C-alpha cells in the first residue's frame, strides 16, 4: 500500500497522458481521482460498529482452515500452492469454492488449473477441500 501511496500522482499522470494520446490530444474533463488515503478515511467514517468489540486475530500458527475463491483463475492456482507450502502451517486445509457439479468435478478442475500453471503436486490433493458452488 505504501508503494501505491508514494506513486499515486505518477500513476494518475500516466493515465491522463495515455488517454490524451488515445483521444488525439483532446483532453477530457473528468471527475477528480480519489486518493487511496482519502478513500480509507471515507470508509472509516462509514464504519457503523464498535471495532473494540472485535475478537483479536487468530495467531498465524493456529490457523487450520482457509477459504480460497478463484482457485482456477490466474492468481488462485498459484495462491493455493503458496498457501499449502507455508512451513508454519503444515496442517492447513484450503477450502476452494469452484464452479462444479460435485466435489470430484471441483477437484478435477482445481488439479487441471494447477497443472496448466505447472504448480500441481499430488500431495496437494489431501489438503484441498473442494467446495462446489
C-alpha atoms as a PDB file:
ATOM      1  CA  UNK A   1       0.000   0.000   0.000  1.00  0.00           C
ATOM      2  CA  UNK A   2       2.874   2.353   0.803  1.00  0.00           C
ATOM      3  CA  UNK A   3       4.226   1.973  -2.730  1.00  0.00           C
ATOM      4  CA  UNK A   4       0.806   2.801  -4.206  1.00  0.00           C
ATOM      5  CA  UNK A   5       0.566   5.864  -1.989  1.00  0.00           C
ATOM      6  CA  UNK A   6       4.032   7.081  -2.989  1.00  0.00           C
ATOM      7  CA  UNK A   7       3.380   6.633  -6.726  1.00  0.00           C
ATOM      8  CA  UNK A   8      -0.291   7.632  -6.884  1.00  0.00           C
ATOM      9  CA  UNK A   9       0.248  11.002  -8.587  1.00  0.00           C
ATOM     10  CA  UNK A  10       2.609   9.465 -11.159  1.00  0.00           C
ATOM     11  CA  UNK A  11       0.012   6.788 -11.964  1.00  0.00           C
ATOM     12  CA  UNK A  12      -2.643   9.457 -12.493  1.00  0.00           C
ATOM     13  CA  UNK A  13      -0.308  11.463 -14.755  1.00  0.00           C
ATOM     14  CA  UNK A  14       0.464   8.364 -16.846  1.00  0.00           C
ATOM     15  CA  UNK A  15      -3.214   7.533 -17.185  1.00  0.00           C
ATOM     16  CA  UNK A  16      -4.063  11.078 -18.263  1.00  0.00           C
ATOM     17  CA  UNK A  17      -1.201  11.119 -20.803  1.00  0.00           C
ATOM     18  CA  UNK A  18      -2.370   7.781 -22.232  1.00  0.00           C
ATOM     19  CA  UNK A  19      -5.969   8.971 -22.503  1.00  0.00           C
ATOM     20  CA  UNK A  20      -4.821  12.207 -24.154  1.00  0.00           C
ATOM     21  CA  UNK A  21      -2.746  10.276 -26.710  1.00  0.00           C
ATOM     22  CA  UNK A  22      -5.625   7.902 -27.456  1.00  0.00           C
ATOM     23  CA  UNK A  23      -8.056  10.764 -27.964  1.00  0.00           C
ATOM     24  CA  UNK A  24      -5.721  12.593 -30.364  1.00  0.00           C
ATOM     25  CA  UNK A  25      -4.612  15.261 -27.936  1.00  0.00           C
ATOM     26  CA  UNK A  26      -8.045  16.415 -26.815  1.00  0.00           C
ATOM     27  CA  UNK A  27      -8.111  16.444 -23.026  1.00  0.00           C
ATOM     28  CA  UNK A  28     -11.385  15.328 -21.494  1.00  0.00           C
ATOM     29  CA  UNK A  29     -12.932  16.825 -18.379  1.00  0.00           C
ATOM     30  CA  UNK A  30     -13.090  14.128 -15.731  1.00  0.00           C
ATOM     31  CA  UNK A  31     -14.072  13.803 -12.141  1.00  0.00           C
ATOM     32  CA  UNK A  32     -11.065  14.142  -9.845  1.00  0.00           C
ATOM     33  CA  UNK A  33      -9.381  10.908  -8.836  1.00  0.00           C
ATOM     34  CA  UNK A  34      -9.795   9.834  -5.236  1.00  0.00           C
ATOM     35  CA  UNK A  35      -6.511   9.293  -3.478  1.00  0.00           C
ATOM     36  CA  UNK A  36      -6.329   5.899  -1.659  1.00  0.00           C
ATOM     37  CA  UNK A  37      -5.869   7.564   1.745  1.00  0.00           C
ATOM     38  CA  UNK A  38      -8.948   9.716   1.209  1.00  0.00           C
ATOM     39  CA  UNK A  39     -10.898   6.588   0.339  1.00  0.00           C
ATOM     40  CA  UNK A  40      -9.788   4.890   3.559  1.00  0.00           C
ATOM     41  CA  UNK A  41     -10.866   7.913   5.592  1.00  0.00           C
ATOM     42  CA  UNK A  42     -14.291   7.836   3.928  1.00  0.00           C
ATOM     43  CA  UNK A  43     -14.617   4.130   4.758  1.00  0.00           C
ATOM     44  CA  UNK A  44     -13.601   4.708   8.377  1.00  0.00           C
ATOM     45  CA  UNK A  45     -16.300   7.353   8.727  1.00  0.00           C
ATOM     46  CA  UNK A  46     -18.887   4.876   7.469  1.00  0.00           C
ATOM     47  CA  UNK A  47     -17.997   2.106   9.920  1.00  0.00           C
ATOM     48  CA  UNK A  48     -21.183   1.516  11.856  1.00  0.00           C
ATOM     49  CA  UNK A  49     -19.992  -0.820  14.594  1.00  0.00           C
ATOM     50  CA  UNK A  50     -17.749  -0.575  17.589  1.00  0.00           C
ATOM     51  CA  UNK A  51     -14.412  -2.012  16.470  1.00  0.00           C
ATOM     52  CA  UNK A  52     -13.394  -2.525  20.111  1.00  0.00           C
ATOM     53  CA  UNK A  53     -15.859  -5.431  20.251  1.00  0.00           C
ATOM     54  CA  UNK A  54     -13.971  -7.398  17.597  1.00  0.00           C
ATOM     55  CA  UNK A  55     -12.156 -10.534  18.668  1.00  0.00           C
ATOM     56  CA  UNK A  56      -8.376 -10.482  18.377  1.00  0.00           C
ATOM     57  CA  UNK A  57      -6.850 -12.029  15.263  1.00  0.00           C
ATOM     58  CA  UNK A  58      -6.030 -15.715  15.344  1.00  0.00           C
ATOM     59  CA  UNK A  59      -2.266 -16.218  15.639  1.00  0.00           C
ATOM     60  CA  UNK A  60      -0.908 -17.377  12.263  1.00  0.00           C
ATOM     61  CA  UNK A  61       0.450 -20.617  13.689  1.00  0.00           C
ATOM     62  CA  UNK A  62      -3.050 -21.630  14.855  1.00  0.00           C
ATOM     63  CA  UNK A  63      -4.828 -21.217  11.521  1.00  0.00           C
ATOM     64  CA  UNK A  64      -6.136 -24.589  10.340  1.00  0.00           C
ATOM     65  CA  UNK A  65      -8.566 -23.665   7.542  1.00  0.00           C
ATOM     66  CA  UNK A  66      -8.593 -21.057   4.784  1.00  0.00           C
ATOM     67  CA  UNK A  67     -11.324 -20.301   2.253  1.00  0.00           C
ATOM     68  CA  UNK A  68      -9.960 -19.531  -1.209  1.00  0.00           C
ATOM     69  CA  UNK A  69     -12.093 -18.320  -4.092  1.00  0.00           C
ATOM     70  CA  UNK A  70     -10.906 -18.087  -7.674  1.00  0.00           C
ATOM     71  CA  UNK A  71      -8.616 -21.100  -7.376  1.00  0.00           C
ATOM     72  CA  UNK A  72      -8.977 -21.952 -11.074  1.00  0.00           C
ATOM     73  CA  UNK A  73      -8.060 -18.402 -12.078  1.00  0.00           C
ATOM     74  CA  UNK A  74      -4.687 -16.919 -12.949  1.00  0.00           C
ATOM     75  CA  UNK A  75      -3.754 -15.915  -9.390  1.00  0.00           C
ATOM     76  CA  UNK A  76      -5.739 -18.504  -7.437  1.00  0.00           C
ATOM     77  CA  UNK A  77      -3.972 -21.536  -8.853  1.00  0.00           C
ATOM     78  CA  UNK A  78      -0.628 -20.183  -7.680  1.00  0.00           C
ATOM     79  CA  UNK A  79      -2.054 -18.914  -4.387  1.00  0.00           C
ATOM     80  CA  UNK A  80      -3.281 -22.382  -3.396  1.00  0.00           C
ATOM     81  CA  UNK A  81       0.234 -23.775  -3.860  1.00  0.00           C
ATOM     82  CA  UNK A  82       1.776 -20.933  -1.856  1.00  0.00           C
ATOM     83  CA  UNK A  83      -0.685 -21.473   0.997  1.00  0.00           C
ATOM     84  CA  UNK A  84      -0.017 -25.196   1.095  1.00  0.00           C
ATOM     85  CA  UNK A  85       3.747 -24.654   1.176  1.00  0.00           C
ATOM     86  CA  UNK A  86       3.713 -22.399   4.242  1.00  0.00           C
ATOM     87  CA  UNK A  87       6.113 -24.101   6.637  1.00  0.00           C
ATOM     88  CA  UNK A  88       4.459 -22.720   9.776  1.00  0.00           C
ATOM     89  CA  UNK A  89       1.077 -24.181   8.692  1.00  0.00           C
ATOM     90  CA  UNK A  90       1.802 -27.838   7.887  1.00  0.00           C
ATOM     91  CA  UNK A  91      -1.790 -28.958   8.631  1.00  0.00           C
ATOM     92  CA  UNK A  92      -3.552 -26.175   6.748  1.00  0.00           C
ATOM     93  CA  UNK A  93      -6.650 -27.166   4.769  1.00  0.00           C
ATOM     94  CA  UNK A  94      -7.582 -24.918   1.872  1.00  0.00           C
ATOM     95  CA  UNK A  95     -11.299 -24.916   1.121  1.00  0.00           C
ATOM     96  CA  UNK A  96     -11.736 -23.921  -2.533  1.00  0.00           C
ATOM     97  CA  UNK A  97     -15.046 -22.752  -3.971  1.00  0.00           C
ATOM     98  CA  UNK A  98     -15.252 -23.939  -7.570  1.00  0.00           C
ATOM     99  CA  UNK A  99     -17.997 -23.946 -10.170  1.00  0.00           C
ATOM    100  CA  UNK A 100     -18.677 -27.656 -10.424  1.00  0.00           C
ATOM    101  CA  UNK A 101     -21.391 -30.298 -10.224  1.00  0.00           C
ATOM    102  CA  UNK A 102     -19.868 -32.106  -7.254  1.00  0.00           C
ATOM    103  CA  UNK A 103     -16.680 -32.403  -5.171  1.00  0.00           C
ATOM    104  CA  UNK A 104     -14.973 -34.779  -7.618  1.00  0.00           C
ATOM    105  CA  UNK A 105     -15.629 -32.458 -10.535  1.00  0.00           C
ATOM    106  CA  UNK A 106     -14.401 -29.485  -8.462  1.00  0.00           C
ATOM    107  CA  UNK A 107     -11.159 -31.291  -7.587  1.00  0.00           C
ATOM    108  CA  UNK A 108     -10.584 -32.172 -11.247  1.00  0.00           C
ATOM    109  CA  UNK A 109     -10.958 -28.507 -12.189  1.00  0.00           C
ATOM    110  CA  UNK A 110      -8.546 -27.417  -9.430  1.00  0.00           C
ATOM    111  CA  UNK A 111      -5.968 -30.016 -10.464  1.00  0.00           C
ATOM    112  CA  UNK A 112      -6.302 -29.122 -14.165  1.00  0.00           C
ATOM    113  CA  UNK A 113      -5.820 -25.410 -13.442  1.00  0.00           C
ATOM    114  CA  UNK A 114      -2.781 -26.086 -11.254  1.00  0.00           C
ATOM    115  CA  UNK A 115      -1.272 -28.453 -13.822  1.00  0.00           C
ATOM    116  CA  UNK A 116      -1.726 -25.821 -16.515  1.00  0.00           C
ATOM    117  CA  UNK A 117       0.215 -23.364 -14.323  1.00  0.00           C
ATOM    118  CA  UNK A 118       2.814 -26.068 -13.589  1.00  0.00           C
ATOM    119  CA  UNK A 119       2.269 -25.808  -9.820  1.00  0.00           C
ATOM    120  CA  UNK A 120       0.443 -29.101  -9.155  1.00  0.00           C
ATOM    121  CA  UNK A 121       1.857 -31.789  -6.890  1.00  0.00           C
ATOM    122  CA  UNK A 122      -0.084 -34.930  -5.906  1.00  0.00           C
ATOM    123  CA  UNK A 123       0.350 -34.243  -2.162  1.00  0.00           C
ATOM    124  CA  UNK A 124      -1.791 -31.111  -2.553  1.00  0.00           C
ATOM    125  CA  UNK A 125      -4.969 -33.129  -3.073  1.00  0.00           C
ATOM    126  CA  UNK A 126      -5.110 -34.345   0.535  1.00  0.00           C
ATOM    127  CA  UNK A 127      -5.075 -30.766   1.868  1.00  0.00           C
ATOM    128  CA  UNK A 128      -7.510 -29.186  -0.601  1.00  0.00           C
ATOM    129  CA  UNK A 129     -11.184 -29.319   0.260  1.00  0.00           C
ATOM    130  CA  UNK A 130     -13.196 -28.728  -2.923  1.00  0.00           C
ATOM    131  CA  UNK A 131     -16.455 -26.825  -2.400  1.00  0.00           C
ATOM    132  CA  UNK A 132     -18.704 -26.995  -5.466  1.00  0.00           C
ATOM    133  CA  UNK A 133     -20.699 -23.854  -5.958  1.00  0.00           C
END
